[in-house]
């Protein structure tokens, strides 16, 4: 798989892939920073009164509402961008004529996307940690809570990525996968209350964490309490993604030219 990786590294350096990875969490970080600056006097008063947890509360509130749409859109746009790099370059004829495994090539696309999504979540978590400490919230920092409402929801998007990758790799016109990803937000929110199989659909799984009881905070003082992290949803997302990516890779291997 090393020839594929070495080729991809060159492509990544010339593309805006890593810029997109940073852009989405940067927008959230910039919005939170601006909100804290506009309320700086109130924040500093809370810090002096021993209520610096309000800083983390503000961060949770912004990320909570952002995750209604952010994770789905981010996974969709990043997947479409990576697939479109190949579509625009008309690289399929050259690729299919080379002695490389198409299955490995497909899985490598998946690897780059989940790496980008994971790094984006990590960047968001570390960025909020730095901002929170700078504004005086270091004494009430709870790392597990910060992880739960920042990076953890991103780890539940693997199944969604698997589905979007299949769409994007099979369609040259990326507007269709992007529209489908946007509709997935509505589908996920609509199917979340439904019992049974809908609970395990790619569009619903990220909301299982966003709307879990552990991530609903009615009082900012609760943010200092460590959450019960529901790793089972990450496992379910990985299982569903394995099924979707396996199907997509074998279908991709049988194609002649896209």
Protein backbone atom coordinates (compact mmCIF):
# COMPACT_ATOMS: atom_id res chain seq x y z
CA UNK A 1 0.00 0.00 0.00
CA UNK A 2 3.06 2.26 0.24
CA UNK A 3 2.92 3.39 -3.43
CA UNK A 4 -0.66 4.52 -2.89
CA UNK A 5 0.25 6.39 0.28
CA UNK A 6 3.27 8.07 -1.28
CA UNK A 7 1.16 9.21 -4.22
CA UNK A 8 -1.55 10.44 -1.87
CA UNK A 9 0.92 12.44 0.21
CA UNK A 10 1.96 14.37 -2.88
CA UNK A 11 -1.68 15.01 -3.77
CA UNK A 12 -2.47 16.17 -0.23
CA UNK A 13 0.38 18.65 -0.24
CA UNK A 14 -0.93 20.20 -3.44
CA UNK A 15 -4.60 20.22 -2.44
CA UNK A 16 -6.70 22.03 0.14
CA UNK A 17 -7.59 18.82 2.01
CA UNK A 18 -5.81 19.77 5.24
CA UNK A 19 -7.14 23.30 4.96
CA UNK A 20 -10.70 21.92 5.07
CA UNK A 21 -9.73 19.73 8.03
CA UNK A 22 -8.69 22.83 9.97
CA UNK A 23 -11.39 25.18 8.64
CA UNK A 24 -14.44 23.59 10.28
CA UNK A 25 -13.12 23.50 13.88
CA UNK A 26 -11.49 26.90 13.35
CA UNK A 27 -14.91 28.43 12.64
CA UNK A 28 -16.23 27.04 15.94
CA UNK A 29 -13.13 28.20 17.82
CA UNK A 30 -13.40 31.68 16.32
CA UNK A 31 -17.09 31.93 17.21
CA UNK A 32 -16.52 30.82 20.80
CA UNK A 33 -13.55 33.17 21.22
CA UNK A 34 -15.62 36.10 19.94
CA UNK A 35 -18.49 35.19 22.28
CA UNK A 36 -16.14 35.03 25.28
CA UNK A 37 -14.54 38.36 24.36
CA UNK A 38 -17.93 40.06 24.06
CA UNK A 39 -18.82 38.74 27.52
CA UNK A 40 -15.34 39.18 28.97
CA UNK A 41 -16.37 41.18 32.05
CA UNK A 42 -19.07 38.68 33.02
CA UNK A 43 -16.67 35.78 32.44
CA UNK A 44 -13.99 37.35 34.64
CA UNK A 45 -16.53 38.00 37.36
CA UNK A 46 -17.51 34.32 37.27
CA UNK A 47 -13.84 33.36 37.52
CA UNK A 48 -13.35 35.57 40.58
CA UNK A 49 -16.43 34.00 42.18
CA UNK A 50 -15.12 30.48 41.57
CA UNK A 51 -17.53 29.82 38.71
CA UNK A 52 -15.02 29.45 35.91
CA UNK A 53 -16.98 26.40 34.79
CA UNK A 54 -19.20 28.89 32.92
CA UNK A 55 -16.41 29.16 30.34
CA UNK A 56 -16.66 25.44 29.56
CA UNK A 57 -20.43 25.74 29.67
CA UNK A 58 -20.38 28.33 26.90
CA UNK A 59 -18.12 26.07 24.86
CA UNK A 60 -20.42 23.10 25.36
CA UNK A 61 -23.46 25.16 24.33
CA UNK A 62 -21.87 26.34 21.07
CA UNK A 63 -20.55 22.91 20.09
CA UNK A 64 -23.84 21.23 21.07
CA UNK A 65 -25.90 23.32 18.66
CA UNK A 66 -23.16 23.28 16.01
CA UNK A 67 -23.18 19.48 16.00
CA UNK A 68 -26.79 19.52 14.77
CA UNK A 69 -25.29 20.11 11.31
CA UNK A 70 -21.50 20.39 11.56
CA UNK A 71 -20.46 16.74 11.73
CA UNK A 72 -22.70 15.66 8.85
CA UNK A 73 -21.64 18.55 6.64
CA UNK A 74 -17.97 18.16 7.48
CA UNK A 75 -17.91 14.43 6.71
CA UNK A 76 -19.84 15.05 3.48
CA UNK A 77 -17.69 17.91 2.19
CA UNK A 78 -14.38 16.26 3.09
CA UNK A 79 -15.41 13.01 1.40
CA UNK A 80 -16.65 14.77 -1.72
CA UNK A 81 -13.52 16.87 -1.93
CA UNK A 82 -11.22 13.86 -1.78
CA UNK A 83 -13.21 11.89 -4.35
CA UNK A 84 -13.49 14.93 -6.61
CA UNK A 85 -9.69 15.18 -6.74
CA UNK A 86 -9.70 11.94 -8.71
CA UNK A 87 -12.76 12.81 -10.79
CA UNK A 88 -11.41 16.17 -11.91
CA UNK A 89 -8.02 14.74 -12.78
CA UNK A 90 -9.69 12.02 -14.89
CA UNK A 91 -7.29 9.62 -13.19
CA UNK A 92 -9.46 6.51 -13.35
CA UNK A 93 -8.16 5.15 -16.68
CA UNK A 94 -4.58 5.54 -15.49
CA UNK A 95 -5.41 4.08 -12.09
CA UNK A 96 -7.21 1.06 -13.51
CA UNK A 97 -4.29 0.34 -15.85
CA UNK A 98 -1.78 0.22 -12.98
CA UNK A 99 -0.90 -2.97 -11.07
CA UNK A 100 -2.34 -1.78 -7.75
CA UNK A 101 -5.19 -3.15 -5.71
CA UNK A 102 -8.37 -1.17 -6.26
CA UNK A 103 -9.69 -2.47 -2.95
CA UNK A 104 -6.65 -1.05 -1.14
CA UNK A 105 -6.99 2.19 -3.08
CA UNK A 106 -10.62 2.53 -1.93
CA UNK A 107 -9.76 1.73 1.68
CA UNK A 108 -6.98 4.29 1.54
CA UNK A 109 -9.56 6.96 0.64
CA UNK A 110 -11.49 5.93 3.73
CA UNK A 111 -8.33 6.06 5.84
CA UNK A 112 -7.55 9.63 4.77
CA UNK A 113 -11.07 10.83 5.48
CA UNK A 114 -11.36 9.29 8.96
CA UNK A 115 -7.88 10.64 9.72
CA UNK A 116 -8.98 14.10 8.66
CA UNK A 117 -12.18 13.93 10.71
CA UNK A 118 -10.32 12.63 13.78
CA UNK A 119 -7.65 15.33 13.49
CA UNK A 120 -10.36 17.95 13.13
CA UNK A 121 -12.00 16.78 16.36
CA UNK A 122 -8.61 16.74 18.10
CA UNK A 123 -7.86 20.26 16.87
CA UNK A 124 -11.21 21.44 18.22
CA UNK A 125 -10.62 19.85 21.62
CA UNK A 126 -7.10 21.22 22.04
CA UNK A 127 -8.16 24.62 20.73
CA UNK A 128 -10.98 24.88 23.27
CA UNK A 129 -8.65 23.72 26.03
CA UNK A 130 -6.18 26.50 25.17
CA UNK A 131 -8.92 29.14 24.94
CA UNK A 132 -10.50 27.99 28.19
CA UNK A 133 -7.22 28.13 30.09
CA UNK A 134 -6.40 31.56 28.64
CA UNK A 135 -9.74 32.93 29.88
CA UNK A 136 -9.19 31.50 33.37
CA UNK A 137 -11.05 28.19 33.30
CA UNK A 138 -8.11 25.95 34.12
CA UNK A 139 -9.29 25.12 37.68
CA UNK A 140 -12.60 23.63 36.51
CA UNK A 141 -11.31 21.81 33.44
CA UNK A 142 -12.58 18.25 33.12
CA UNK A 143 -10.75 16.52 30.28
CA UNK A 144 -13.23 13.68 29.88
CA UNK A 145 -16.13 16.16 29.61
CA UNK A 146 -14.21 18.29 27.12
CA UNK A 147 -13.44 15.18 25.07
CA UNK A 148 -17.09 14.10 25.18
CA UNK A 149 -18.55 17.23 23.62
CA UNK A 150 -15.70 17.98 21.20
CA UNK A 151 -13.79 15.07 19.69
CA UNK A 152 -16.03 12.16 20.69
CA UNK A 153 -18.98 13.01 18.39
CA UNK A 154 -16.58 13.09 15.43
CA UNK A 155 -15.57 9.48 16.16
CA UNK A 156 -19.18 8.40 15.65
CA UNK A 157 -19.20 9.61 12.04
CA UNK A 158 -17.27 6.65 10.57
CA UNK A 159 -20.43 4.95 9.29
CA UNK A 160 -21.62 8.19 7.71
CA UNK A 161 -18.23 8.54 6.01
CA UNK A 162 -18.51 5.00 4.66
CA UNK A 163 -21.84 5.79 3.01
CA UNK A 164 -20.75 9.18 1.65
CA UNK A 165 -17.56 7.67 0.27
CA UNK A 166 -19.54 5.12 -1.71
CA UNK A 167 -21.69 7.90 -3.20
CA UNK A 168 -18.79 10.22 -3.96
CA UNK A 169 -16.60 7.58 -5.57
CA UNK A 170 -19.40 6.45 -7.88
CA UNK A 171 -20.67 9.86 -8.99
CA UNK A 172 -18.64 12.38 -10.93
CA UNK A 173 -21.16 15.12 -10.15
CA UNK A 174 -20.47 15.77 -6.46
CA UNK A 175 -23.56 17.91 -5.98
CA UNK A 176 -25.61 14.74 -5.50
CA UNK A 177 -23.51 13.36 -2.61
CA UNK A 178 -23.40 16.81 -1.00
CA UNK A 179 -27.19 17.23 -1.24
CA UNK A 180 -27.62 13.70 0.12
CA UNK A 181 -25.34 14.56 3.03
CA UNK A 182 -27.41 17.64 3.77
CA UNK A 183 -30.63 15.63 3.65
CA UNK A 184 -28.97 13.16 6.01
CA UNK A 185 -29.21 15.81 8.73
CA UNK A 186 -32.98 15.88 8.41
CA UNK A 187 -33.19 12.09 8.12
CA UNK A 188 -31.03 11.62 11.20
CA UNK A 189 -33.05 14.02 13.33
CA UNK A 190 -36.34 12.50 12.13
CA UNK A 191 -35.32 8.88 12.72
CA UNK A 192 -33.56 9.39 16.05
CA UNK A 193 -36.73 8.80 18.15
CA UNK A 194 -37.70 5.70 16.13
CA UNK A 195 -36.94 2.30 17.71
CA UNK A 196 -35.12 -0.61 16.09
CA UNK A 197 -33.01 -0.48 12.93
CA UNK A 198 -33.24 3.33 12.40
CA UNK A 199 -31.12 3.75 15.55
CA UNK A 200 -28.14 2.23 13.72
CA UNK A 201 -28.33 4.11 10.43
CA UNK A 202 -25.25 6.17 9.46
CA UNK A 203 -27.15 9.48 9.69
CA UNK A 204 -28.54 8.70 13.16
CA UNK A 205 -25.46 7.37 14.97
CA UNK A 206 -23.73 10.78 15.48
CA UNK A 207 -26.91 12.10 17.11
CA UNK A 208 -26.87 9.21 19.58
CA UNK A 209 -23.94 10.97 21.24
CA UNK A 210 -24.99 14.57 20.64
CA UNK A 211 -28.43 14.00 22.19
CA UNK A 212 -27.40 11.47 24.85
CA UNK A 213 -28.33 12.20 28.45
CA UNK A 214 -24.63 12.57 29.24
CA UNK A 215 -24.36 15.48 26.80
CA UNK A 216 -27.46 17.35 27.98
CA UNK A 217 -26.41 19.96 30.53
CA UNK A 218 -29.14 22.02 32.19
CA UNK A 219 -26.77 23.76 34.60
CA UNK A 220 -23.25 24.81 33.65
CA UNK A 221 -22.04 23.67 37.08
CA UNK A 222 -22.62 20.09 35.89
CA UNK A 223 -19.85 20.45 33.32
CA UNK A 224 -17.20 19.66 35.94
CA UNK A 225 -18.67 16.16 36.38
CA UNK A 226 -17.11 13.40 34.26
CA UNK A 227 -19.54 11.82 31.76
CA UNK A 228 -20.22 8.15 31.19
CA UNK A 229 -18.66 7.83 27.73
CA UNK A 230 -20.75 5.65 25.43
CA UNK A 231 -18.01 3.93 23.44
CA UNK A 232 -20.53 1.41 22.15
CA UNK A 233 -21.74 3.94 19.55
CA UNK A 234 -18.22 4.33 18.19
CA UNK A 235 -18.00 0.55 17.95
CA UNK A 236 -21.35 0.35 16.16
CA UNK A 237 -20.25 3.10 13.78
CA UNK A 238 -17.04 1.19 13.03
CA UNK A 239 -18.96 -2.04 12.35
CA UNK A 240 -21.45 -0.32 10.04
CA UNK A 241 -18.62 1.51 8.28
CA UNK A 242 -16.69 -1.73 7.78
CA UNK A 243 -19.73 -3.25 6.06
CA UNK A 244 -20.28 -0.17 3.87
CA UNK A 245 -16.63 0.31 2.92
CA UNK A 246 -16.16 -3.40 2.21
CA UNK A 247 -19.17 -3.35 -0.10
CA UNK A 248 -18.02 -0.14 -1.76
CA UNK A 249 -14.44 -1.34 -2.25
CA UNK A 250 -15.45 -4.61 -3.90
CA UNK A 251 -17.92 -2.78 -6.14
CA UNK A 252 -15.20 -0.27 -7.01
CA UNK A 253 -12.80 -3.09 -7.86
CA UNK A 254 -15.23 -4.46 -10.47
CA UNK A 255 -15.68 -1.13 -12.25
CA UNK A 256 -14.08 -0.50 -15.59
CA UNK A 257 -14.06 3.31 -15.84
CA UNK A 258 -16.01 5.80 -13.75
